[in-house]
PDB file of all heavy atoms in Angstrom:
ATOM      1  N   VAL A   1      14.032 -11.631  -6.505  1.00  0.00           N
ATOM      2  CA  VAL A   1      13.737 -11.232  -5.124  1.00  0.00           C
ATOM      3  C   VAL A   1      14.700 -10.140  -4.665  1.00  0.00           C
ATOM      4  O   VAL A   1      14.285  -9.143  -4.046  1.00  0.00           O
ATOM      5  CB  VAL A   1      13.789 -12.454  -4.179  1.00  0.00           C
ATOM      6  CG1 VAL A   1      13.725 -12.034  -2.724  1.00  0.00           C
ATOM      7  CG2 VAL A   1      12.664 -13.413  -4.512  1.00  0.00           C
ATOM      8  N   ILE A   2      15.970 -10.283  -4.989  1.00  0.00           N
ATOM      9  CA  ILE A   2      16.967  -9.278  -4.602  1.00  0.00           C
ATOM     10  C   ILE A   2      16.692  -7.957  -5.318  1.00  0.00           C
ATOM     11  O   ILE A   2      16.823  -6.879  -4.727  1.00  0.00           O
ATOM     12  CB  ILE A   2      18.389  -9.796  -4.897  1.00  0.00           C
ATOM     13  CG1 ILE A   2      18.685 -11.040  -4.062  1.00  0.00           C
ATOM     14  CG2 ILE A   2      19.436  -8.720  -4.657  1.00  0.00           C
ATOM     15  CD1 ILE A   2      18.511 -10.887  -2.577  1.00  0.00           C
ATOM     16  N   SER A   3      16.301  -8.011  -6.576  1.00  0.00           N
ATOM     17  CA  SER A   3      15.976  -6.780  -7.316  1.00  0.00           C
ATOM     18  C   SER A   3      14.796  -6.063  -6.675  1.00  0.00           C
ATOM     19  O   SER A   3      14.804  -4.829  -6.543  1.00  0.00           O
ATOM     20  CB  SER A   3      15.659  -7.108  -8.774  1.00  0.00           C
ATOM     21  OG  SER A   3      16.764  -7.673  -9.398  1.00  0.00           O
ATOM     22  N   ILE A   4      13.805  -6.810  -6.256  1.00  0.00           N
ATOM     23  CA  ILE A   4      12.647  -6.212  -5.584  1.00  0.00           C
ATOM     24  C   ILE A   4      13.075  -5.591  -4.258  1.00  0.00           C
ATOM     25  O   ILE A   4      12.623  -4.495  -3.904  1.00  0.00           O
ATOM     26  CB  ILE A   4      11.531  -7.264  -5.393  1.00  0.00           C
ATOM     27  CG1 ILE A   4      10.943  -7.627  -6.763  1.00  0.00           C
ATOM     28  CG2 ILE A   4      10.441  -6.756  -4.463  1.00  0.00           C
ATOM     29  CD1 ILE A   4      10.022  -8.827  -6.745  1.00  0.00           C
ATOM     30  N   ALA A   5      13.973  -6.253  -3.543  1.00  0.00           N
ATOM     31  CA  ALA A   5      14.474  -5.690  -2.279  1.00  0.00           C
ATOM     32  C   ALA A   5      15.203  -4.371  -2.530  1.00  0.00           C
ATOM     33  O   ALA A   5      15.027  -3.403  -1.782  1.00  0.00           O
ATOM     34  CB  ALA A   5      15.398  -6.688  -1.586  1.00  0.00           C
ATOM     35  N   PHE A   6      16.008  -4.311  -3.587  1.00  0.00           N
ATOM     36  CA  PHE A   6      16.711  -3.065  -3.904  1.00  0.00           C
ATOM     37  C   PHE A   6      15.736  -1.958  -4.288  1.00  0.00           C
ATOM     38  O   PHE A   6      15.923  -0.793  -3.917  1.00  0.00           O
ATOM     39  CB  PHE A   6      17.744  -3.280  -5.008  1.00  0.00           C
ATOM     40  CG  PHE A   6      19.044  -3.839  -4.515  1.00  0.00           C
ATOM     41  CD1 PHE A   6      19.583  -4.960  -5.103  1.00  0.00           C
ATOM     42  CD2 PHE A   6      19.731  -3.249  -3.475  1.00  0.00           C
ATOM     43  CE1 PHE A   6      20.782  -5.484  -4.660  1.00  0.00           C
ATOM     44  CE2 PHE A   6      20.933  -3.767  -3.022  1.00  0.00           C
ATOM     45  CZ  PHE A   6      21.463  -4.884  -3.614  1.00  0.00           C
ATOM     46  N   ILE A   7      14.695  -2.292  -5.032  1.00  0.00           N
ATOM     47  CA  ILE A   7      13.677  -1.297  -5.388  1.00  0.00           C
ATOM     48  C   ILE A   7      13.032  -0.762  -4.120  1.00  0.00           C
ATOM     49  O   ILE A   7      12.862   0.452  -3.951  1.00  0.00           O
ATOM     50  CB  ILE A   7      12.620  -1.915  -6.333  1.00  0.00           C
ATOM     51  CG1 ILE A   7      13.216  -2.173  -7.707  1.00  0.00           C
ATOM     52  CG2 ILE A   7      11.393  -1.020  -6.443  1.00  0.00           C
ATOM     53  CD1 ILE A   7      12.333  -3.003  -8.614  1.00  0.00           C
ATOM     54  N   TRP A   8      12.661  -1.647  -3.228  1.00  0.00           N
ATOM     55  CA  TRP A   8      12.012  -1.263  -1.976  1.00  0.00           C
ATOM     56  C   TRP A   8      12.925  -0.368  -1.141  1.00  0.00           C
ATOM     57  O   TRP A   8      12.490   0.680  -0.641  1.00  0.00           O
ATOM     58  CB  TRP A   8      11.622  -2.523  -1.221  1.00  0.00           C
ATOM     59  CG  TRP A   8      10.823  -2.319   0.028  1.00  0.00           C
ATOM     60  CD1 TRP A   8      10.036  -1.244   0.347  1.00  0.00           C
ATOM     61  CD2 TRP A   8      10.717  -3.207   1.129  1.00  0.00           C
ATOM     62  NE1 TRP A   8       9.446  -1.434   1.568  1.00  0.00           N
ATOM     63  CE2 TRP A   8       9.854  -2.638   2.066  1.00  0.00           C
ATOM     64  CE3 TRP A   8      11.264  -4.457   1.390  1.00  0.00           C
ATOM     65  CZ2 TRP A   8       9.545  -3.254   3.270  1.00  0.00           C
ATOM     66  CZ3 TRP A   8      10.944  -5.082   2.576  1.00  0.00           C
ATOM     67  CH2 TRP A   8      10.089  -4.482   3.509  1.00  0.00           C
ATOM     68  N   LEU A   9      14.178  -0.743  -1.010  1.00  0.00           N
ATOM     69  CA  LEU A   9      15.110   0.073  -0.224  1.00  0.00           C
ATOM     70  C   LEU A   9      15.360   1.430  -0.881  1.00  0.00           C
ATOM     71  O   LEU A   9      15.500   2.443  -0.190  1.00  0.00           O
ATOM     72  CB  LEU A   9      16.427  -0.673  -0.024  1.00  0.00           C
ATOM     73  CG  LEU A   9      16.355  -1.873   0.911  1.00  0.00           C
ATOM     74  CD1 LEU A   9      17.621  -2.699   0.827  1.00  0.00           C
ATOM     75  CD2 LEU A   9      16.096  -1.428   2.334  1.00  0.00           C
ATOM     76  N   SER A  10      15.396   1.471  -2.202  1.00  0.00           N
ATOM     77  CA  SER A  10      15.581   2.751  -2.906  1.00  0.00           C
ATOM     78  C   SER A  10      14.392   3.673  -2.681  1.00  0.00           C
ATOM     79  O   SER A  10      14.562   4.879  -2.438  1.00  0.00           O
ATOM     80  CB  SER A  10      15.777   2.505  -4.402  1.00  0.00           C
ATOM     81  OG  SER A  10      16.907   1.730  -4.633  1.00  0.00           O
ATOM     82  N   LEU A  11      13.187   3.130  -2.753  1.00  0.00           N
ATOM     83  CA  LEU A  11      11.997   3.934  -2.490  1.00  0.00           C
ATOM     84  C   LEU A  11      11.988   4.457  -1.059  1.00  0.00           C
ATOM     85  O   LEU A  11      11.653   5.622  -0.807  1.00  0.00           O
ATOM     86  CB  LEU A  11      10.734   3.110  -2.747  1.00  0.00           C
ATOM     87  CG  LEU A  11      10.389   2.796  -4.193  1.00  0.00           C
ATOM     88  CD1 LEU A  11       9.223   1.820  -4.257  1.00  0.00           C
ATOM     89  CD2 LEU A  11      10.063   4.055  -4.956  1.00  0.00           C
ATOM     90  N   ALA A  12      12.348   3.600  -0.111  1.00  0.00           N
ATOM     91  CA  ALA A  12      12.380   4.015   1.291  1.00  0.00           C
ATOM     92  C   ALA A  12      13.407   5.113   1.514  1.00  0.00           C
ATOM     93  O   ALA A  12      13.160   6.058   2.272  1.00  0.00           O
ATOM     94  CB  ALA A  12      12.676   2.812   2.183  1.00  0.00           C
ATOM     95  N   THR A  13      14.548   5.016   0.844  1.00  0.00           N
ATOM     96  CA  THR A  13      15.573   6.056   0.969  1.00  0.00           C
ATOM     97  C   THR A  13      15.056   7.383   0.424  1.00  0.00           C
ATOM     98  O   THR A  13      15.261   8.435   1.033  1.00  0.00           O
ATOM     99  CB  THR A  13      16.858   5.637   0.223  1.00  0.00           C
ATOM    100  OG1 THR A  13      17.301   4.383   0.747  1.00  0.00           O
ATOM    101  CG2 THR A  13      17.951   6.665   0.385  1.00  0.00           C
ATOM    102  N   ALA A  14      14.350   7.341  -0.704  1.00  0.00           N
ATOM    103  CA  ALA A  14      13.792   8.570  -1.280  1.00  0.00           C
ATOM    104  C   ALA A  14      12.764   9.196  -0.341  1.00  0.00           C
ATOM    105  O   ALA A  14      12.749  10.419  -0.143  1.00  0.00           O
ATOM    106  CB  ALA A  14      13.171   8.267  -2.639  1.00  0.00           C
ATOM    107  N   VAL A  15      11.902   8.370   0.257  1.00  0.00           N
ATOM    108  CA  VAL A  15      10.903   8.884   1.205  1.00  0.00           C
ATOM    109  C   VAL A  15      11.592   9.478   2.420  1.00  0.00           C
ATOM    110  O   VAL A  15      11.202  10.547   2.908  1.00  0.00           O
ATOM    111  CB  VAL A  15       9.916   7.760   1.614  1.00  0.00           C
ATOM    112  CG1 VAL A  15       9.101   8.151   2.827  1.00  0.00           C
ATOM    113  CG2 VAL A  15       9.009   7.427   0.454  1.00  0.00           C
ATOM    114  N   LEU A  16      12.606   8.816   2.897  1.00  0.00           N
ATOM    115  CA  LEU A  16      13.350   9.302   4.065  1.00  0.00           C
ATOM    116  C   LEU A  16      13.973  10.673   3.785  1.00  0.00           C
ATOM    117  O   LEU A  16      13.859  11.598   4.601  1.00  0.00           O
ATOM    118  CB  LEU A  16      14.436   8.283   4.422  1.00  0.00           C
ATOM    119  CG  LEU A  16      15.093   8.450   5.762  1.00  0.00           C
ATOM    120  CD1 LEU A  16      14.248   7.762   6.815  1.00  0.00           C
ATOM    121  CD2 LEU A  16      16.473   7.839   5.739  1.00  0.00           C
ATOM    122  N   ILE A  17      14.582  10.817   2.635  1.00  0.00           N
ATOM    123  CA  ILE A  17      15.210  12.092   2.273  1.00  0.00           C
ATOM    124  C   ILE A  17      14.158  13.173   2.082  1.00  0.00           C
ATOM    125  O   ILE A  17      14.322  14.309   2.545  1.00  0.00           O
ATOM    126  CB  ILE A  17      16.068  11.909   1.004  1.00  0.00           C
ATOM    127  CG1 ILE A  17      17.282  11.039   1.332  1.00  0.00           C
ATOM    128  CG2 ILE A  17      16.510  13.249   0.436  1.00  0.00           C
ATOM    129  CD1 ILE A  17      18.039  10.548   0.134  1.00  0.00           C
ATOM    130  N   GLU A  18      13.052  12.827   1.434  1.00  0.00           N
ATOM    131  CA  GLU A  18      11.971  13.803   1.241  1.00  0.00           C
ATOM    132  C   GLU A  18      11.438  14.294   2.580  1.00  0.00           C
ATOM    133  O   GLU A  18      11.271  15.496   2.793  1.00  0.00           O
ATOM    134  CB  GLU A  18      10.844  13.179   0.432  1.00  0.00           C
ATOM    135  CG  GLU A  18       9.645  14.104   0.265  1.00  0.00           C
ATOM    136  CD  GLU A  18       8.429  13.401  -0.293  1.00  0.00           C
ATOM    137  OE1 GLU A  18       8.193  12.230   0.053  1.00  0.00           O
ATOM    138  OE2 GLU A  18       7.704  14.046  -1.059  1.00  0.00           O
ATOM    139  N   ARG A  19      11.172  13.380   3.494  1.00  0.00           N
ATOM    140  CA  ARG A  19      10.644  13.765   4.810  1.00  0.00           C
ATOM    141  C   ARG A  19      11.647  14.633   5.557  1.00  0.00           C
ATOM    142  O   ARG A  19      11.272  15.578   6.248  1.00  0.00           O
ATOM    143  CB  ARG A  19      10.271  12.531   5.623  1.00  0.00           C
ATOM    144  CG  ARG A  19       9.065  11.801   5.042  1.00  0.00           C
ATOM    145  CD  ARG A  19       8.611  10.644   5.895  1.00  0.00           C
ATOM    146  NE  ARG A  19       8.129  11.057   7.215  1.00  0.00           N
ATOM    147  CZ  ARG A  19       6.917  11.556   7.453  1.00  0.00           C
ATOM    148  NH1 ARG A  19       6.071  11.713   6.476  1.00  0.00           N
ATOM    149  NH2 ARG A  19       6.570  11.888   8.685  1.00  0.00           N
ATOM    150  N   SER A  20      12.912  14.326   5.423  1.00  0.00           N
ATOM    151  CA  SER A  20      13.936  15.114   6.097  1.00  0.00           C
ATOM    152  C   SER A  20      13.984  16.538   5.561  1.00  0.00           C
ATOM    153  O   SER A  20      14.040  17.499   6.325  1.00  0.00           O
ATOM    154  CB  SER A  20      15.297  14.444   5.916  1.00  0.00           C
ATOM    155  OG  SER A  20      16.316  15.231   6.452  1.00  0.00           O
ATOM    156  N   ILE A  21      13.938  16.679   4.238  1.00  0.00           N
ATOM    157  CA  ILE A  21      13.981  18.008   3.626  1.00  0.00           C
ATOM    158  C   ILE A  21      12.749  18.822   3.997  1.00  0.00           C
ATOM    159  O   ILE A  21      12.824  20.026   4.223  1.00  0.00           O
ATOM    160  CB  ILE A  21      14.139  17.899   2.098  1.00  0.00           C
ATOM    161  CG1 ILE A  21      15.551  17.407   1.779  1.00  0.00           C
ATOM    162  CG2 ILE A  21      13.858  19.211   1.408  1.00  0.00           C
ATOM    163  CD1 ILE A  21      15.778  17.074   0.337  1.00  0.00           C
ATOM    164  N   LEU A  22      11.599  18.151   4.100  1.00  0.00           N
ATOM    165  CA  LEU A  22      10.370  18.855   4.464  1.00  0.00           C
ATOM    166  C   LEU A  22      10.278  19.139   5.953  1.00  0.00           C
ATOM    167  O   LEU A  22       9.330  19.774   6.408  1.00  0.00           O
ATOM    168  CB  LEU A  22       9.149  18.045   4.016  1.00  0.00           C
ATOM    169  CG  LEU A  22       8.977  17.903   2.500  1.00  0.00           C
ATOM    170  CD1 LEU A  22       7.834  16.961   2.178  1.00  0.00           C
ATOM    171  CD2 LEU A  22       8.777  19.254   1.849  1.00  0.00           C
ATOM    172  N   GLY A  23      11.246  18.646   6.721  1.00  0.00           N
ATOM    173  CA  GLY A  23      11.261  18.893   8.164  1.00  0.00           C
ATOM    174  C   GLY A  23      10.318  18.009   8.947  1.00  0.00           C
ATOM    175  O   GLY A  23       9.974  18.310  10.083  1.00  0.00           O
ATOM    176  N   LYS A  24       9.894  16.909   8.365  1.00  0.00           N
ATOM    177  CA  LYS A  24       9.000  15.977   9.050  1.00  0.00           C
ATOM    178  C   LYS A  24       9.837  14.936   9.791  1.00  0.00           C
ATOM    179  O   LYS A  24      10.997  14.718   9.472  1.00  0.00           O
ATOM    180  CB  LYS A  24       8.073  15.290   8.041  1.00  0.00           C
ATOM    181  CG  LYS A  24       7.131  16.248   7.348  1.00  0.00           C
ATOM    182  CD  LYS A  24       6.252  15.522   6.365  1.00  0.00           C
ATOM    183  CE  LYS A  24       5.292  16.500   5.694  1.00  0.00           C
ATOM    184  NZ  LYS A  24       4.456  15.831   4.701  1.00  0.00           N
ATOM    185  N   PRO A  25       9.241  14.244  10.768  1.00  0.00           N
ATOM    186  CA  PRO A  25       9.985  13.212  11.486  1.00  0.00           C
ATOM    187  C   PRO A  25      10.421  12.081  10.554  1.00  0.00           C
ATOM    188  O   PRO A  25       9.686  11.695   9.646  1.00  0.00           O
ATOM    189  CB  PRO A  25       9.008  12.690  12.536  1.00  0.00           C
ATOM    190  CG  PRO A  25       7.786  13.500  12.420  1.00  0.00           C
ATOM    191  CD  PRO A  25       7.898  14.428  11.275  1.00  0.00           C
ATOM    192  N   VAL A  26      11.616  11.573  10.792  1.00  0.00           N
ATOM    193  CA  VAL A  26      12.206  10.563   9.928  1.00  0.00           C
ATOM    194  C   VAL A  26      12.388   9.266  10.703  1.00  0.00           C
ATOM    195  O   VAL A  26      12.898   9.266  11.816  1.00  0.00           O
ATOM    196  CB  VAL A  26      13.573  11.062   9.405  1.00  0.00           C
ATOM    197  CG1 VAL A  26      14.299   9.985   8.651  1.00  0.00           C
ATOM    198  CG2 VAL A  26      13.393  12.299   8.554  1.00  0.00           C
ATOM    199  N   ASN A  27      11.935   8.146  10.084  1.00  0.00           N
ATOM    200  CA  ASN A  27      12.112   6.828  10.683  1.00  0.00           C
ATOM    201  C   ASN A  27      12.264   5.829   9.546  1.00  0.00           C
ATOM    202  O   ASN A  27      11.398   5.730   8.674  1.00  0.00           O
ATOM    203  CB  ASN A  27      10.904   6.482  11.562  1.00  0.00           C
ATOM    204  CG  ASN A  27      11.058   5.153  12.251  1.00  0.00           C
ATOM    205  OD1 ASN A  27      11.602   4.200  11.707  1.00  0.00           O
ATOM    206  ND2 ASN A  27      10.539   5.081  13.457  1.00  0.00           N
ATOM    207  N   ALA A  28      13.361   5.083   9.563  1.00  0.00           N
ATOM    208  CA  ALA A  28      13.646   4.142   8.471  1.00  0.00           C
ATOM    209  C   ALA A  28      12.574   3.074   8.350  1.00  0.00           C
ATOM    210  O   ALA A  28      12.152   2.726   7.247  1.00  0.00           O
ATOM    211  CB  ALA A  28      15.010   3.501   8.684  1.00  0.00           C
ATOM    212  N   PHE A  29      12.119   2.543   9.469  1.00  0.00           N
ATOM    213  CA  PHE A  29      11.138   1.462   9.415  1.00  0.00           C
ATOM    214  C   PHE A  29       9.773   1.950   8.935  1.00  0.00           C
ATOM    215  O   PHE A  29       9.067   1.238   8.226  1.00  0.00           O
ATOM    216  CB  PHE A  29      11.047   0.767  10.776  1.00  0.00           C
ATOM    217  CG  PHE A  29      12.352   0.115  11.152  1.00  0.00           C
ATOM    218  CD1 PHE A  29      13.133   0.639  12.160  1.00  0.00           C
ATOM    219  CD2 PHE A  29      12.806  -0.997  10.468  1.00  0.00           C
ATOM    220  CE1 PHE A  29      14.340   0.055  12.495  1.00  0.00           C
ATOM    221  CE2 PHE A  29      14.010  -1.601  10.789  1.00  0.00           C
ATOM    222  CZ  PHE A  29      14.789  -1.067  11.804  1.00  0.00           C
ATOM    223  N   LYS A  30       9.405   3.187   9.300  1.00  0.00           N
ATOM    224  CA  LYS A  30       8.159   3.748   8.785  1.00  0.00           C
ATOM    225  C   LYS A  30       8.269   4.005   7.284  1.00  0.00           C
ATOM    226  O   LYS A  30       7.304   3.817   6.542  1.00  0.00           O
ATOM    227  CB  LYS A  30       7.811   5.036   9.527  1.00  0.00           C
ATOM    228  CG  LYS A  30       7.283   4.793  10.922  1.00  0.00           C
ATOM    229  CD  LYS A  30       6.854   6.086  11.572  1.00  0.00           C
ATOM    230  CE  LYS A  30       6.336   5.808  12.983  1.00  0.00           C
ATOM    231  NZ  LYS A  30       5.968   7.036  13.685  1.00  0.00           N
ATOM    232  N   ALA A  31       9.460   4.432   6.835  1.00  0.00           N
ATOM    233  CA  ALA A  31       9.667   4.649   5.400  1.00  0.00           C
ATOM    234  C   ALA A  31       9.564   3.331   4.640  1.00  0.00           C
ATOM    235  O   ALA A  31       8.968   3.271   3.562  1.00  0.00           O
ATOM    236  CB  ALA A  31      11.025   5.299   5.153  1.00  0.00           C
ATOM    237  N   LEU A  32      10.115   2.268   5.214  1.00  0.00           N
ATOM    238  CA  LEU A  32       9.996   0.945   4.586  1.00  0.00           C
ATOM    239  C   LEU A  32       8.532   0.508   4.517  1.00  0.00           C
ATOM    240  O   LEU A  32       8.072  -0.016   3.502  1.00  0.00           O
ATOM    241  CB  LEU A  32      10.825  -0.088   5.346  1.00  0.00           C
ATOM    242  CG  LEU A  32      12.335  -0.026   5.131  1.00  0.00           C
ATOM    243  CD1 LEU A  32      13.053  -0.882   6.166  1.00  0.00           C
ATOM    244  CD2 LEU A  32      12.702  -0.442   3.732  1.00  0.00           C
ATOM    245  N   GLY A  33       7.794   0.733   5.595  1.00  0.00           N
ATOM    246  CA  GLY A  33       6.378   0.367   5.620  1.00  0.00           C
ATOM    247  C   GLY A  33       5.558   1.173   4.641  1.00  0.00           C
ATOM    248  O   GLY A  33       4.661   0.652   3.970  1.00  0.00           O
TER     249      GLY A  33
END
């Protein structure tokens, strides 16, 4: 379960960084969703 949580948080971090670089609005909870 913890490994899955880390995978999920890593993916959300990557999406957050991608959206930031592309100049799109950034929201941690939307990235998690």
